Amino acid sequence: MEISGKFRLLSVVVAVGTALAIAPAAPAQTVKIDGSSTVYPITEAVAEEFQKAKKGAVKVTVGISGTGGGFKKFCRGEIDVQDASRPITKKEMETCREAGIAYLEMPVAYDALTVVINPKNTWAKSMTVAELKKMWEPAAQGRITRWNQVNPAWPDAPLKLFGPGADSGTFEYFTEAVTGKSKSSRGDFTASEDDNVLVLGVSRDLNGLGYFGYAYYIENRDKLVAVSVVSPAGRAVAPSVEAVVNGSYQPLSRPIFIYVNAKSAQKREVKEFIEYYNRHAEKLVKEVKYVPLPGKAYTYNLETLSNMRVGTKFEGENKVGLTIEELMKLEAKL
C-alpha cells in the first residue's frame, strides 16, 4: 500500500509538471497603431526595433488607413497611437472630445512633400505653385487634361494625375498649400492610400505626375524624378533634407506626427513604446529618409509623456510653410 501511494503521488507530480511544460506562454501585450502611410515607415522601423528589444513580450501592430481613417479609429478608442501627416482637425478634436478621448501630440519628423514625374518627362523639371494649382484645383476637373493647357511651352500630351485619397493627410496638406483650401481638389485622378500604387502609376506612364512623402520618392528615385518647386522667394528648389532644414523648400515642407491616446499612455507597454520612439527617433527617422527634428524636440515629447501634457499646438488647422524653428515655439492646447 505504501509503494502504491508513493506511485500515485509521483504520477500527480509528473502530470502537473507536464501540464506546466506544455502550458502556452502568456500572450504578448499589444500596442495598436494606424493612420498615415507617410508616417508609416518611421513607426514601422521603431516598432521593429522595439519588439526586438522587448524580445517578443510586446507586439506592435502598424496599419495604414490614411490620416483621416486613422483618426476615425483613434477617436473611437480603437487604437493606442495614431500616425498623422497633418495636425488633428477641429472636427476630429470635437469627435475625440465627445468620446472622452484625450491625446498627446508629438511631432516626430519633417517631410518634404514631393511632386514626382516620369524619368522620360523632359519638360516639367520645375513648376510654380500656380501651375500645380491649375492642374489640381476643382475647376480643372474634366477641363485641364493635357500638359500644354497648364503651360503652353509643354507638349500637347495627356496629363495623367496620381495622388493620395481623401482620407490622406498628405492630400489635405497638399490641397491647402497648392489650391488654398484643404480637400479642395479635382476628383478625376487615380487615387490611393497606398503610396506604392502611386509610385507604380507615375513610373509606368510618361505623362504621369503624382505627389507623396519624400521617403517614398527616395526609395524609388531610380524610377521617378522629383520636381523642383518655385518657392515664394522665386527660386526653384528641389526637395532635400538640406532644403527642409534651411526652410527653402516651401510651401511643401511639413511636420509629421504621432498622437497618443492619453489613457493608453498609462499602460506600461504603450508608455515604453513611446519612450523608445522618441529616444531612437533621430537615428530611425534618418534611416527611412525623413528629416529628424532637433534633439530638444524629442526631449520635449518625453516631457509631454511624463507630464501628460494633452492637446494640440495647431488649433485644428494646418500651418502651411511652418519651419522647424517656428514649430518649436508653439504651445499645446486642448
C-alpha atoms as a PDB file:
ATOM      1  CA  MET A   1       0.000   0.000   0.000  1.00  0.00           C
ATOM      2  CA  GLU A   2       2.823   2.387   0.830  1.00  0.00           C
ATOM      3  CA  ILE A   3       4.501   1.769  -2.554  1.00  0.00           C
ATOM      4  CA  SER A   4       1.170   2.267  -4.317  1.00  0.00           C
ATOM      5  CA  GLY A   5       0.652   5.610  -2.537  1.00  0.00           C
ATOM      6  CA  LYS A   6       4.112   6.832  -3.490  1.00  0.00           C
ATOM      7  CA  PHE A   7       3.428   5.830  -7.083  1.00  0.00           C
ATOM      8  CA  ARG A   8       0.170   7.792  -7.152  1.00  0.00           C
ATOM      9  CA  LEU A   9       1.936  10.866  -5.679  1.00  0.00           C
ATOM     10  CA  LEU A  10       4.680  10.597  -8.265  1.00  0.00           C
ATOM     11  CA  SER A  11       2.060  10.340 -11.039  1.00  0.00           C
ATOM     12  CA  VAL A  12       0.402  13.565  -9.847  1.00  0.00           C
ATOM     13  CA  VAL A  13       3.745  15.410  -9.721  1.00  0.00           C
ATOM     14  CA  VAL A  14       4.619  14.229 -13.235  1.00  0.00           C
ATOM     15  CA  ALA A  15       1.170  15.220 -14.568  1.00  0.00           C
ATOM     16  CA  VAL A  16       1.390  18.696 -13.039  1.00  0.00           C
ATOM     17  CA  GLY A  17       4.925  19.129 -14.359  1.00  0.00           C
ATOM     18  CA  THR A  18       3.845  18.070 -17.837  1.00  0.00           C
ATOM     19  CA  ALA A  19       0.887  20.459 -17.782  1.00  0.00           C
ATOM     20  CA  LEU A  20       3.149  23.343 -16.788  1.00  0.00           C
ATOM     21  CA  ALA A  21       5.636  22.424 -19.502  1.00  0.00           C
ATOM     22  CA  ILE A  22       3.024  22.479 -22.265  1.00  0.00           C
ATOM     23  CA  ALA A  23       1.023  25.453 -20.948  1.00  0.00           C
ATOM     24  CA  PRO A  24       1.108  28.295 -23.510  1.00  0.00           C
ATOM     25  CA  ALA A  25       3.230  31.335 -22.730  1.00  0.00           C
ATOM     26  CA  ALA A  26       1.390  34.458 -21.623  1.00  0.00           C
ATOM     27  CA  PRO A  27       0.144  36.379 -24.676  1.00  0.00           C
ATOM     28  CA  ALA A  28       2.272  39.350 -25.695  1.00  0.00           C
ATOM     29  CA  GLN A  29       0.961  42.775 -24.738  1.00  0.00           C
ATOM     30  CA  THR A  30      -0.152  44.740 -27.809  1.00  0.00           C
ATOM     31  CA  VAL A  31       0.298  48.329 -28.938  1.00  0.00           C
ATOM     32  CA  LYS A  32      -2.159  49.183 -31.745  1.00  0.00           C
ATOM     33  CA  ILE A  33      -1.211  51.845 -34.290  1.00  0.00           C
ATOM     34  CA  ASP A  34      -2.871  53.021 -37.514  1.00  0.00           C
ATOM     35  CA  GLY A  35      -3.076  56.048 -39.778  1.00  0.00           C
ATOM     36  CA  SER A  36      -0.780  57.815 -42.209  1.00  0.00           C
ATOM     37  CA  SER A  37       1.122  55.963 -44.933  1.00  0.00           C
ATOM     38  CA  THR A  38       3.643  58.832 -44.846  1.00  0.00           C
ATOM     39  CA  VAL A  39       4.495  58.308 -41.172  1.00  0.00           C
ATOM     40  CA  TYR A  40       4.283  54.506 -41.507  1.00  0.00           C
ATOM     41  CA  PRO A  41       7.973  53.948 -42.478  1.00  0.00           C
ATOM     42  CA  ILE A  42       9.150  55.705 -39.304  1.00  0.00           C
ATOM     43  CA  THR A  43       6.702  53.996 -36.962  1.00  0.00           C
ATOM     44  CA  GLU A  44       7.270  50.598 -38.569  1.00  0.00           C
ATOM     45  CA  ALA A  45      11.054  50.988 -38.143  1.00  0.00           C
ATOM     46  CA  VAL A  46      10.591  51.941 -34.478  1.00  0.00           C
ATOM     47  CA  ALA A  47       8.149  49.058 -33.944  1.00  0.00           C
ATOM     48  CA  GLU A  48      10.599  46.513 -35.371  1.00  0.00           C
ATOM     49  CA  GLU A  49      13.458  47.693 -33.155  1.00  0.00           C
ATOM     50  CA  PHE A  50      11.252  47.986 -30.064  1.00  0.00           C
ATOM     51  CA  GLN A  51       9.881  44.461 -30.474  1.00  0.00           C
ATOM     52  CA  LYS A  52      13.423  43.117 -30.789  1.00  0.00           C
ATOM     53  CA  ALA A  53      14.421  44.975 -27.625  1.00  0.00           C
ATOM     54  CA  LYS A  54      11.401  43.550 -25.758  1.00  0.00           C
ATOM     55  CA  LYS A  55      12.183  40.014 -27.022  1.00  0.00           C
ATOM     56  CA  GLY A  56       8.598  39.372 -28.083  1.00  0.00           C
ATOM     57  CA  ALA A  57       6.986  40.467 -24.804  1.00  0.00           C
ATOM     58  CA  VAL A  58       5.185  43.294 -26.623  1.00  0.00           C
ATOM     59  CA  LYS A  59       3.547  43.089 -30.047  1.00  0.00           C
ATOM     60  CA  VAL A  60       3.201  46.304 -32.065  1.00  0.00           C
ATOM     61  CA  THR A  61       0.740  46.359 -34.972  1.00  0.00           C
ATOM     62  CA  VAL A  62       1.022  49.203 -37.515  1.00  0.00           C
ATOM     63  CA  GLY A  63      -1.797  49.723 -40.035  1.00  0.00           C
ATOM     64  CA  ILE A  64      -2.201  52.142 -42.948  1.00  0.00           C
ATOM     65  CA  SER A  65      -5.694  53.594 -43.299  1.00  0.00           C
ATOM     66  CA  GLY A  66      -4.633  57.188 -44.017  1.00  0.00           C
ATOM     67  CA  THR A  67      -4.524  60.038 -41.528  1.00  0.00           C
ATOM     68  CA  GLY A  68      -8.279  60.637 -41.696  1.00  0.00           C
ATOM     69  CA  GLY A  69      -9.115  56.947 -41.491  1.00  0.00           C
ATOM     70  CA  GLY A  70      -6.744  56.532 -38.559  1.00  0.00           C
ATOM     71  CA  PHE A  71      -8.293  59.440 -36.644  1.00  0.00           C
ATOM     72  CA  LYS A  72     -11.730  57.830 -37.020  1.00  0.00           C
ATOM     73  CA  LYS A  73     -10.384  54.744 -35.232  1.00  0.00           C
ATOM     74  CA  PHE A  74      -8.376  56.849 -32.766  1.00  0.00           C
ATOM     75  CA  CYS A  75     -11.387  58.940 -31.708  1.00  0.00           C
ATOM     76  CA  ARG A  76     -13.396  55.732 -31.201  1.00  0.00           C
ATOM     77  CA  GLY A  77     -10.707  54.469 -28.837  1.00  0.00           C
ATOM     78  CA  GLU A  78      -9.812  51.545 -31.119  1.00  0.00           C
ATOM     79  CA  ILE A  79      -6.080  52.270 -31.336  1.00  0.00           C
ATOM     80  CA  ASP A  80      -3.401  53.477 -28.942  1.00  0.00           C
ATOM     81  CA  VAL A  81      -1.327  55.573 -31.334  1.00  0.00           C
ATOM     82  CA  GLN A  82      -2.260  57.492 -34.476  1.00  0.00           C
ATOM     83  CA  ASP A  83       0.233  58.218 -37.265  1.00  0.00           C
ATOM     84  CA  ALA A  84      -0.664  61.589 -38.816  1.00  0.00           C
ATOM     85  CA  SER A  85       0.809  63.518 -41.715  1.00  0.00           C
ATOM     86  CA  ARG A  86      -1.073  66.659 -40.666  1.00  0.00           C
ATOM     87  CA  PRO A  87      -2.389  68.031 -37.376  1.00  0.00           C
ATOM     88  CA  ILE A  88      -5.685  66.895 -35.902  1.00  0.00           C
ATOM     89  CA  THR A  89      -8.608  68.900 -37.355  1.00  0.00           C
ATOM     90  CA  LYS A  90     -11.254  70.839 -35.410  1.00  0.00           C
ATOM     91  CA  LYS A  91     -13.861  68.225 -36.349  1.00  0.00           C
ATOM     92  CA  GLU A  92     -11.619  65.394 -35.121  1.00  0.00           C
ATOM     93  CA  MET A  93     -10.880  67.331 -31.928  1.00  0.00           C
ATOM     94  CA  GLU A  94     -14.621  67.588 -31.297  1.00  0.00           C
ATOM     95  CA  THR A  95     -15.208  63.899 -32.089  1.00  0.00           C
ATOM     96  CA  CYS A  96     -12.452  62.875 -29.679  1.00  0.00           C
ATOM     97  CA  ARG A  97     -13.785  65.287 -27.032  1.00  0.00           C
ATOM     98  CA  GLU A  98     -17.308  63.825 -27.303  1.00  0.00           C
ATOM     99  CA  ALA A  99     -15.880  60.311 -26.924  1.00  0.00           C
ATOM    100  CA  GLY A 100     -13.765  61.307 -23.919  1.00  0.00           C
ATOM    101  CA  ILE A 101     -10.508  60.706 -25.798  1.00  0.00           C
ATOM    102  CA  ALA A 102      -7.665  62.974 -24.649  1.00  0.00           C
ATOM    103  CA  TYR A 103      -4.383  62.801 -26.556  1.00  0.00           C
ATOM    104  CA  LEU A 104      -0.725  63.748 -26.556  1.00  0.00           C
ATOM    105  CA  GLU A 105       0.525  65.354 -29.768  1.00  0.00           C
ATOM    106  CA  MET A 106       4.129  64.601 -30.773  1.00  0.00           C
ATOM    107  CA  PRO A 107       5.817  65.918 -33.906  1.00  0.00           C
ATOM    108  CA  VAL A 108       8.336  63.226 -34.865  1.00  0.00           C
ATOM    109  CA  ALA A 109       9.914  64.426 -38.141  1.00  0.00           C
ATOM    110  CA  TYR A 110       9.733  66.829 -41.060  1.00  0.00           C
ATOM    111  CA  ASP A 111       8.720  65.760 -44.532  1.00  0.00           C
ATOM    112  CA  ALA A 112       9.309  67.311 -47.939  1.00  0.00           C
ATOM    113  CA  LEU A 113       6.049  66.571 -49.713  1.00  0.00           C
ATOM    114  CA  THR A 114       7.372  65.601 -53.146  1.00  0.00           C
ATOM    115  CA  VAL A 115       5.872  66.113 -56.607  1.00  0.00           C
ATOM    116  CA  VAL A 116       7.140  63.432 -58.991  1.00  0.00           C
ATOM    117  CA  ILE A 117       7.190  62.835 -62.737  1.00  0.00           C
ATOM    118  CA  ASN A 118       8.295  60.019 -65.026  1.00  0.00           C
ATOM    119  CA  PRO A 119      12.070  59.980 -65.765  1.00  0.00           C
ATOM    120  CA  LYS A 120      11.331  60.411 -69.502  1.00  0.00           C
ATOM    121  CA  ASN A 121       9.485  63.668 -68.860  1.00  0.00           C
ATOM    122  CA  THR A 122      11.910  66.333 -70.119  1.00  0.00           C
ATOM    123  CA  TRP A 123       9.682  69.412 -69.891  1.00  0.00           C
ATOM    124  CA  ALA A 124       8.419  69.728 -66.328  1.00  0.00           C
ATOM    125  CA  LYS A 125      11.527  69.511 -64.143  1.00  0.00           C
ATOM    126  CA  SER A 126      10.371  72.591 -62.230  1.00  0.00           C
ATOM    127  CA  MET A 127       6.921  74.069 -61.571  1.00  0.00           C
ATOM    128  CA  THR A 128       5.338  77.021 -59.879  1.00  0.00           C
ATOM    129  CA  VAL A 129       2.618  76.638 -57.265  1.00  0.00           C
ATOM    130  CA  ALA A 130       0.299  78.376 -59.759  1.00  0.00           C
ATOM    131  CA  GLU A 131       0.954  75.619 -62.313  1.00  0.00           C
ATOM    132  CA  LEU A 132       0.300  72.928 -59.713  1.00  0.00           C
ATOM    133  CA  LYS A 133      -2.911  74.715 -58.752  1.00  0.00           C
ATOM    134  CA  LYS A 134      -4.025  74.850 -62.388  1.00  0.00           C
ATOM    135  CA  MET A 135      -3.592  71.057 -62.551  1.00  0.00           C
ATOM    136  CA  TRP A 136      -5.217  70.148 -59.243  1.00  0.00           C
ATOM    137  CA  GLU A 137      -7.915  72.723 -58.407  1.00  0.00           C
ATOM    138  CA  PRO A 138     -11.582  71.624 -58.603  1.00  0.00           C
ATOM    139  CA  ALA A 139     -12.142  73.787 -61.714  1.00  0.00           C
ATOM    140  CA  ALA A 140      -9.564  71.652 -63.575  1.00  0.00           C
ATOM    141  CA  GLN A 141     -11.779  68.566 -63.457  1.00  0.00           C
ATOM    142  CA  GLY A 142     -12.666  67.465 -66.973  1.00  0.00           C
ATOM    143  CA  ARG A 143     -11.074  70.641 -68.397  1.00  0.00           C
ATOM    144  CA  ILE A 144      -7.312  70.570 -67.795  1.00  0.00           C
ATOM    145  CA  THR A 145      -6.499  67.218 -69.332  1.00  0.00           C
ATOM    146  CA  ARG A 146      -3.347  67.952 -71.348  1.00  0.00           C
ATOM    147  CA  TRP A 147       0.080  69.261 -70.352  1.00  0.00           C
ATOM    148  CA  ASN A 148       0.012  72.258 -72.714  1.00  0.00           C
ATOM    149  CA  GLN A 149      -3.173  73.514 -71.030  1.00  0.00           C
ATOM    150  CA  VAL A 150      -1.119  74.098 -67.889  1.00  0.00           C
ATOM    151  CA  ASN A 151       1.843  75.674 -69.666  1.00  0.00           C
ATOM    152  CA  PRO A 152       1.813  76.314 -73.432  1.00  0.00           C
ATOM    153  CA  ALA A 153       5.537  75.502 -73.575  1.00  0.00           C
ATOM    154  CA  TRP A 154       4.737  71.937 -72.519  1.00  0.00           C
ATOM    155  CA  PRO A 155       3.661  69.263 -75.050  1.00  0.00           C
ATOM    156  CA  ASP A 156       0.158  68.549 -76.298  1.00  0.00           C
ATOM    157  CA  ALA A 157       0.039  65.252 -74.413  1.00  0.00           C
ATOM    158  CA  PRO A 158      -2.447  63.731 -71.932  1.00  0.00           C
ATOM    159  CA  LEU A 159      -1.967  64.740 -68.290  1.00  0.00           C
ATOM    160  CA  LYS A 160      -2.244  61.683 -66.039  1.00  0.00           C
ATOM    161  CA  LEU A 161      -2.531  62.521 -62.350  1.00  0.00           C
ATOM    162  CA  PHE A 162      -1.920  60.255 -59.355  1.00  0.00           C
ATOM    163  CA  GLY A 163      -2.457  61.257 -55.733  1.00  0.00           C
ATOM    164  CA  PRO A 164      -3.456  60.190 -52.233  1.00  0.00           C
ATOM    165  CA  GLY A 165      -7.095  59.513 -51.425  1.00  0.00           C
ATOM    166  CA  ALA A 166      -9.399  61.785 -49.438  1.00  0.00           C
ATOM    167  CA  ASP A 167      -8.552  60.089 -46.117  1.00  0.00           C
ATOM    168  CA  SER A 168      -4.894  61.052 -46.518  1.00  0.00           C
ATOM    169  CA  GLY A 169      -3.306  63.845 -44.519  1.00  0.00           C
ATOM    170  CA  THR A 170      -0.934  64.349 -47.449  1.00  0.00           C
ATOM    171  CA  PHE A 171      -3.967  65.060 -49.662  1.00  0.00           C
ATOM    172  CA  GLU A 172      -5.230  67.599 -47.145  1.00  0.00           C
ATOM    173  CA  TYR A 173      -1.890  69.348 -46.716  1.00  0.00           C
ATOM    174  CA  PHE A 174      -1.142  69.450 -50.461  1.00  0.00           C
ATOM    175  CA  THR A 175      -4.545  70.856 -51.372  1.00  0.00           C
ATOM    176  CA  GLU A 176      -4.297  73.545 -48.709  1.00  0.00           C
ATOM    177  CA  ALA A 177      -0.763  74.512 -49.775  1.00  0.00           C
ATOM    178  CA  VAL A 178      -1.493  74.421 -53.522  1.00  0.00           C
ATOM    179  CA  THR A 179      -5.176  75.245 -54.069  1.00  0.00           C
ATOM    180  CA  GLY A 180      -5.625  77.295 -50.905  1.00  0.00           C
ATOM    181  CA  LYS A 181      -8.220  75.086 -49.214  1.00  0.00           C
ATOM    182  CA  SER A 182      -7.921  71.678 -47.566  1.00  0.00           C
ATOM    183  CA  LYS A 183      -9.539  68.866 -49.627  1.00  0.00           C
ATOM    184  CA  SER A 184     -10.262  71.304 -52.486  1.00  0.00           C
ATOM    185  CA  SER A 185      -9.193  69.176 -55.445  1.00  0.00           C
ATOM    186  CA  ARG A 186     -10.326  67.810 -58.759  1.00  0.00           C
ATOM    187  CA  GLY A 187     -11.636  64.279 -58.370  1.00  0.00           C
ATOM    188  CA  ASP A 188     -10.708  62.779 -61.737  1.00  0.00           C
ATOM    189  CA  PHE A 189      -7.303  61.373 -60.826  1.00  0.00           C
ATOM    190  CA  THR A 190      -6.012  57.954 -59.796  1.00  0.00           C
ATOM    191  CA  ALA A 191      -6.275  57.961 -56.003  1.00  0.00           C
ATOM    192  CA  SER A 192      -4.815  55.519 -53.462  1.00  0.00           C
ATOM    193  CA  GLU A 193      -3.995  55.475 -49.746  1.00  0.00           C
ATOM    194  CA  ASP A 194      -1.052  53.225 -50.667  1.00  0.00           C
ATOM    195  CA  ASP A 195       1.836  55.387 -51.873  1.00  0.00           C
ATOM    196  CA  ASN A 196       3.416  52.399 -53.608  1.00  0.00           C
ATOM    197  CA  VAL A 197       0.439  52.337 -56.005  1.00  0.00           C
ATOM    198  CA  LEU A 198       1.137  55.993 -56.867  1.00  0.00           C
ATOM    199  CA  VAL A 199       4.841  55.264 -57.400  1.00  0.00           C
ATOM    200  CA  LEU A 200       3.962  52.464 -59.787  1.00  0.00           C
ATOM    201  CA  GLY A 201       1.463  54.619 -61.711  1.00  0.00           C
ATOM    202  CA  VAL A 202       3.856  57.506 -62.388  1.00  0.00           C
ATOM    203  CA  SER A 203       6.842  55.235 -63.077  1.00  0.00           C
ATOM    204  CA  ARG A 204       4.875  53.437 -65.814  1.00  0.00           C
ATOM    205  CA  ASP A 205       3.374  56.497 -67.527  1.00  0.00           C
ATOM    206  CA  LEU A 206       5.454  59.056 -69.425  1.00  0.00           C
ATOM    207  CA  ASN A 207       2.698  61.639 -68.875  1.00  0.00           C
ATOM    208  CA  GLY A 208       2.179  60.847 -65.204  1.00  0.00           C
ATOM    209  CA  LEU A 209       2.504  63.242 -62.257  1.00  0.00           C
ATOM    210  CA  GLY A 210       1.883  62.483 -58.612  1.00  0.00           C
ATOM    211  CA  TYR A 211       2.788  63.526 -55.068  1.00  0.00           C
ATOM    212  CA  PHE A 212       3.563  61.840 -51.748  1.00  0.00           C
ATOM    213  CA  GLY A 213       6.056  61.869 -48.867  1.00  0.00           C
ATOM    214  CA  TYR A 214       9.783  62.309 -49.506  1.00  0.00           C
ATOM    215  CA  ALA A 215      10.754  58.851 -48.216  1.00  0.00           C
ATOM    216  CA  TYR A 216       8.716  57.131 -50.929  1.00  0.00           C
ATOM    217  CA  TYR A 217      10.475  59.222 -53.568  1.00  0.00           C
ATOM    218  CA  ILE A 218      13.926  58.396 -52.177  1.00  0.00           C
ATOM    219  CA  GLU A 219      13.082  54.695 -52.092  1.00  0.00           C
ATOM    220  CA  ASN A 220      12.090  54.890 -55.771  1.00  0.00           C
ATOM    221  CA  ARG A 221      14.368  57.567 -57.233  1.00  0.00           C
ATOM    222  CA  ASP A 222      15.603  55.146 -59.871  1.00  0.00           C
ATOM    223  CA  LYS A 223      12.036  55.144 -61.255  1.00  0.00           C
ATOM    224  CA  LEU A 224      10.972  58.767 -60.672  1.00  0.00           C
ATOM    225  CA  VAL A 225      12.159  62.385 -60.918  1.00  0.00           C
ATOM    226  CA  ALA A 226      11.358  64.933 -58.217  1.00  0.00           C
ATOM    227  CA  VAL A 227      10.023  68.258 -59.461  1.00  0.00           C
ATOM    228  CA  SER A 228      11.689  71.435 -58.177  1.00  0.00           C
ATOM    229  CA  VAL A 229       9.009  73.777 -56.801  1.00  0.00           C
ATOM    230  CA  VAL A 230       9.381  77.531 -57.205  1.00  0.00           C
ATOM    231  CA  SER A 231       9.335  78.921 -53.667  1.00  0.00           C
ATOM    232  CA  PRO A 232       7.711  82.212 -52.587  1.00  0.00           C
ATOM    233  CA  ALA A 233      11.217  83.698 -52.905  1.00  0.00           C
ATOM    234  CA  GLY A 234      11.098  82.912 -56.644  1.00  0.00           C
ATOM    235  CA  ARG A 235      13.723  80.149 -56.718  1.00  0.00           C
ATOM    236  CA  ALA A 236      13.117  76.601 -57.952  1.00  0.00           C
ATOM    237  CA  VAL A 237      14.099  74.318 -55.076  1.00  0.00           C
ATOM    238  CA  ALA A 238      14.290  70.531 -55.215  1.00  0.00           C
ATOM    239  CA  PRO A 239      13.121  68.547 -52.176  1.00  0.00           C
ATOM    240  CA  SER A 240      16.011  67.512 -49.930  1.00  0.00           C
ATOM    241  CA  VAL A 241      16.927  67.188 -46.282  1.00  0.00           C
ATOM    242  CA  GLU A 242      19.015  70.370 -46.510  1.00  0.00           C
ATOM    243  CA  ALA A 243      16.204  72.372 -48.147  1.00  0.00           C
ATOM    244  CA  VAL A 244      13.781  71.331 -45.393  1.00  0.00           C
ATOM    245  CA  VAL A 245      16.225  72.174 -42.599  1.00  0.00           C
ATOM    246  CA  ASN A 246      17.098  75.612 -44.014  1.00  0.00           C
ATOM    247  CA  GLY A 247      13.446  76.386 -44.795  1.00  0.00           C
ATOM    248  CA  SER A 248      13.936  76.955 -48.535  1.00  0.00           C
ATOM    249  CA  TYR A 249      11.640  74.154 -49.740  1.00  0.00           C
ATOM    250  CA  GLN A 250       8.310  75.938 -49.441  1.00  0.00           C
ATOM    251  CA  PRO A 251       5.369  75.602 -49.245  1.00  0.00           C
ATOM    252  CA  LEU A 252       5.591  71.783 -49.247  1.00  0.00           C
ATOM    253  CA  SER A 253       7.701  71.187 -46.110  1.00  0.00           C
ATOM    254  CA  ARG A 254       5.611  69.991 -43.187  1.00  0.00           C
ATOM    255  CA  PRO A 255       5.869  68.391 -39.748  1.00  0.00           C
ATOM    256  CA  ILE A 256       4.507  64.859 -39.318  1.00  0.00           C
ATOM    257  CA  PHE A 257       3.188  63.410 -36.070  1.00  0.00           C
ATOM    258  CA  ILE A 258       2.102  60.671 -33.781  1.00  0.00           C
ATOM    259  CA  TYR A 259      -0.870  61.157 -31.452  1.00  0.00           C
ATOM    260  CA  VAL A 260      -1.062  59.040 -28.303  1.00  0.00           C
ATOM    261  CA  ASN A 261      -4.310  58.185 -26.529  1.00  0.00           C
ATOM    262  CA  ALA A 262      -3.773  59.635 -23.033  1.00  0.00           C
ATOM    263  CA  LYS A 263      -5.451  56.646 -21.354  1.00  0.00           C
ATOM    264  CA  SER A 264      -3.331  54.208 -23.375  1.00  0.00           C
ATOM    265  CA  ALA A 265      -0.210  56.172 -22.419  1.00  0.00           C
ATOM    266  CA  GLN A 266      -0.730  54.999 -18.843  1.00  0.00           C
ATOM    267  CA  LYS A 267      -0.300  51.372 -19.909  1.00  0.00           C
ATOM    268  CA  ARG A 268       3.241  50.197 -19.349  1.00  0.00           C
ATOM    269  CA  GLU A 269       3.724  48.757 -22.854  1.00  0.00           C
ATOM    270  CA  VAL A 270       2.463  51.912 -24.607  1.00  0.00           C
ATOM    271  CA  LYS A 271       4.484  54.228 -22.358  1.00  0.00           C
ATOM    272  CA  GLU A 272       7.645  52.191 -23.017  1.00  0.00           C
ATOM    273  CA  PHE A 273       6.981  52.210 -26.762  1.00  0.00           C
ATOM    274  CA  ILE A 274       6.554  55.999 -26.878  1.00  0.00           C
ATOM    275  CA  GLU A 275       9.702  56.485 -24.784  1.00  0.00           C
ATOM    276  CA  TYR A 276      11.611  54.186 -27.144  1.00  0.00           C
ATOM    277  CA  TYR A 277      10.182  56.036 -30.160  1.00  0.00           C
ATOM    278  CA  ASN A 278      11.452  59.416 -29.009  1.00  0.00           C
ATOM    279  CA  ARG A 279      14.828  58.157 -27.739  1.00  0.00           C
ATOM    280  CA  HIS A 280      15.588  56.492 -31.073  1.00  0.00           C
ATOM    281  CA  ALA A 281      13.666  58.770 -33.442  1.00  0.00           C
ATOM    282  CA  GLU A 282      16.613  60.812 -34.700  1.00  0.00           C
ATOM    283  CA  LYS A 283      18.506  57.721 -35.895  1.00  0.00           C
ATOM    284  CA  LEU A 284      15.489  55.874 -37.325  1.00  0.00           C
ATOM    285  CA  VAL A 285      13.982  58.972 -38.994  1.00  0.00           C
ATOM    286  CA  LYS A 286      17.259  59.403 -40.876  1.00  0.00           C
ATOM    287  CA  GLU A 287      17.326  55.713 -41.807  1.00  0.00           C
ATOM    288  CA  VAL A 288      13.936  55.937 -43.532  1.00  0.00           C
ATOM    289  CA  LYS A 289      14.956  59.179 -45.306  1.00  0.00           C
ATOM    290  CA  TYR A 290      12.914  61.778 -43.470  1.00  0.00           C
ATOM    291  CA  VAL A 291      14.260  64.851 -41.665  1.00  0.00           C
ATOM    292  CA  PRO A 292      14.718  64.449 -37.890  1.00  0.00           C
ATOM    293  CA  LEU A 293      13.746  67.219 -35.507  1.00  0.00           C
ATOM    294  CA  PRO A 294      16.302  68.800 -33.164  1.00  0.00           C
ATOM    295  CA  GLY A 295      17.119  66.660 -30.117  1.00  0.00           C
ATOM    296  CA  LYS A 296      15.291  69.099 -27.846  1.00  0.00           C
ATOM    297  CA  ALA A 297      12.036  68.344 -29.702  1.00  0.00           C
ATOM    298  CA  TYR A 298      12.225  64.660 -28.746  1.00  0.00           C
ATOM    299  CA  THR A 299      13.111  65.651 -25.171  1.00  0.00           C
ATOM    300  CA  TYR A 300      10.007  67.859 -25.202  1.00  0.00           C
ATOM    301  CA  ASN A 301       7.934  64.878 -26.380  1.00  0.00           C
ATOM    302  CA  LEU A 302       9.268  62.779 -23.490  1.00  0.00           C
ATOM    303  CA  GLU A 303       8.305  65.578 -21.094  1.00  0.00           C
ATOM    304  CA  THR A 304       4.865  65.683 -22.728  1.00  0.00           C
ATOM    305  CA  LEU A 305       4.520  61.995 -21.903  1.00  0.00           C
ATOM    306  CA  SER A 306       5.801  62.183 -18.332  1.00  0.00           C
ATOM    307  CA  ASN A 307       3.702  65.291 -17.563  1.00  0.00           C
ATOM    308  CA  MET A 308       0.663  64.030 -19.564  1.00  0.00           C
ATOM    309  CA  ARG A 309       0.578  67.328 -21.452  1.00  0.00           C
ATOM    310  CA  VAL A 310      -2.566  66.839 -23.541  1.00  0.00           C
ATOM    311  CA  GLY A 311      -3.750  68.873 -26.524  1.00  0.00           C
ATOM    312  CA  THR A 312      -2.531  70.191 -29.872  1.00  0.00           C
ATOM    313  CA  LYS A 313      -0.293  73.080 -30.905  1.00  0.00           C
ATOM    314  CA  PHE A 314      -2.223  73.626 -34.139  1.00  0.00           C
ATOM    315  CA  GLU A 315      -5.752  74.651 -33.047  1.00  0.00           C
ATOM    316  CA  GLY A 316      -7.244  72.235 -35.582  1.00  0.00           C
ATOM    317  CA  GLU A 317      -5.536  73.752 -38.621  1.00  0.00           C
ATOM    318  CA  ASN A 318      -2.649  73.057 -40.969  1.00  0.00           C
ATOM    319  CA  LYS A 319       0.009  75.746 -40.710  1.00  0.00           C
ATOM    320  CA  VAL A 320       1.349  75.742 -44.266  1.00  0.00           C
ATOM    321  CA  GLY A 321       5.021  76.613 -44.634  1.00  0.00           C
ATOM    322  CA  LEU A 322       5.821  76.184 -40.930  1.00  0.00           C
ATOM    323  CA  THR A 323       9.577  75.892 -40.347  1.00  0.00           C
ATOM    324  CA  ILE A 324      11.176  73.651 -37.724  1.00  0.00           C
ATOM    325  CA  GLU A 325      12.103  76.693 -35.618  1.00  0.00           C
ATOM    326  CA  GLU A 326       8.542  78.025 -35.732  1.00  0.00           C
ATOM    327  CA  LEU A 327       7.161  74.604 -34.760  1.00  0.00           C
ATOM    328  CA  MET A 328       9.338  74.514 -31.646  1.00  0.00           C
ATOM    329  CA  LYS A 329       7.824  77.794 -30.372  1.00  0.00           C
ATOM    330  CA  LEU A 330       4.211  76.632 -30.443  1.00  0.00           C
ATOM    331  CA  GLU A 331       2.374  75.662 -27.250  1.00  0.00           C
ATOM    332  CA  ALA A 332      -0.062  72.755 -26.934  1.00  0.00           C
ATOM    333  CA  LYS A 333      -3.709  73.465 -26.058  1.00  0.00           C
ATOM    334  CA  LEU A 334      -6.882  71.395 -25.874  1.00  0.00           C
END
